């Protein structure tokens, strides 16, 4: 393996290091789940959820499970907005 192989290996480790690096602003799953419903409502209403919950925003950007939970909440809010209002 020549220089190219060594460079590719170093690049691989650099990408892995970047992927594993924790965002200091990330609130984590537990904290995100506590307010994910509020975060979803802000998103659904066009409000700035990122400014109100920056840690949750950072977390949802990096956690597939919490991102899926948010997508489910947003789908529910979108669906429930189509229901007729009760009198």
Protein backbone atom coordinates (compact mmCIF):
# COMPACT_ATOMS: atom_id res chain seq x y z
CA UNK A 1 0.00 0.00 0.00
CA UNK A 2 1.52 3.30 -1.08
CA UNK A 3 0.93 6.88 -0.09
CA UNK A 4 -2.62 6.85 -1.45
CA UNK A 5 -3.60 3.96 0.85
CA UNK A 6 -2.18 5.73 3.89
CA UNK A 7 -4.01 8.94 3.01
CA UNK A 8 -7.29 7.06 2.53
CA UNK A 9 -6.86 5.38 5.91
CA UNK A 10 -6.15 8.73 7.61
CA UNK A 11 -9.18 10.26 5.90
CA UNK A 12 -11.29 7.31 7.09
CA UNK A 13 -10.22 7.89 10.69
CA UNK A 14 -10.88 11.63 10.40
CA UNK A 15 -14.43 10.95 9.13
CA UNK A 16 -15.03 8.43 11.91
CA UNK A 17 -13.76 10.87 14.52
CA UNK A 18 -16.12 13.55 13.19
CA UNK A 19 -19.07 11.16 13.24
CA UNK A 20 -18.41 10.17 16.85
CA UNK A 21 -17.82 13.69 18.14
CA UNK A 22 -20.62 14.84 20.45
CA UNK A 23 -22.22 18.20 19.86
CA UNK A 24 -21.91 20.17 23.10
CA UNK A 25 -25.32 21.74 22.45
CA UNK A 26 -27.02 18.32 22.17
CA UNK A 27 -29.54 17.90 24.99
CA UNK A 28 -29.63 14.09 24.80
CA UNK A 29 -32.57 11.73 24.38
CA UNK A 30 -34.07 12.07 27.86
CA UNK A 31 -34.19 15.87 27.82
CA UNK A 32 -35.42 15.92 24.22
CA UNK A 33 -38.26 13.49 24.93
CA UNK A 34 -39.47 15.63 27.83
CA UNK A 35 -40.28 18.52 25.49
CA UNK A 36 -40.52 16.88 22.07
CA UNK A 37 -44.29 17.45 21.94
CA UNK A 38 -43.81 21.18 22.56
CA UNK A 39 -40.98 21.28 20.03
CA UNK A 40 -43.23 19.57 17.45
CA UNK A 41 -46.05 22.05 18.06
CA UNK A 42 -43.68 24.96 17.52
CA UNK A 43 -42.40 23.41 14.29
CA UNK A 44 -45.94 22.68 13.09
CA UNK A 45 -47.00 26.27 13.78
CA UNK A 46 -44.02 27.76 12.00
CA UNK A 47 -42.51 29.12 15.20
CA UNK A 48 -38.78 29.03 15.85
CA UNK A 49 -38.37 25.78 17.76
CA UNK A 50 -34.59 26.02 17.30
CA UNK A 51 -34.38 29.25 19.25
CA UNK A 52 -36.66 28.04 22.03
CA UNK A 53 -35.08 24.59 22.36
CA UNK A 54 -31.57 24.72 20.84
CA UNK A 55 -30.44 21.56 22.62
CA UNK A 56 -33.40 19.59 21.32
CA UNK A 57 -32.81 20.94 17.83
CA UNK A 58 -29.18 19.83 17.96
CA UNK A 59 -30.18 16.43 19.32
CA UNK A 60 -32.91 15.75 16.74
CA UNK A 61 -30.34 16.56 14.07
CA UNK A 62 -28.14 13.71 15.23
CA UNK A 63 -30.45 11.08 16.75
CA UNK A 64 -32.40 8.90 14.31
CA UNK A 65 -34.82 7.63 16.95
CA UNK A 66 -35.75 11.08 18.27
CA UNK A 67 -35.95 12.40 14.69
CA UNK A 68 -38.40 9.57 13.91
CA UNK A 69 -40.41 10.41 17.04
CA UNK A 70 -40.56 14.05 15.93
CA UNK A 71 -41.67 13.03 12.44
CA UNK A 72 -44.46 10.95 14.00
CA UNK A 73 -45.61 13.85 16.16
CA UNK A 74 -45.56 16.20 13.17
CA UNK A 75 -47.56 13.71 11.10
CA UNK A 76 -50.12 13.44 13.91
CA UNK A 77 -50.38 17.23 14.25
CA UNK A 78 -50.81 17.58 10.50
CA UNK A 79 -53.50 14.89 10.46
CA UNK A 80 -55.34 16.28 13.49
CA UNK A 81 -55.43 19.74 11.89
CA UNK A 82 -57.65 18.29 9.14
CA UNK A 83 -60.31 17.06 11.57
CA UNK A 84 -63.48 19.14 11.95
CA UNK A 85 -63.69 21.15 15.14
CA UNK A 86 -66.00 19.81 17.81
CA UNK A 87 -68.93 22.00 18.81
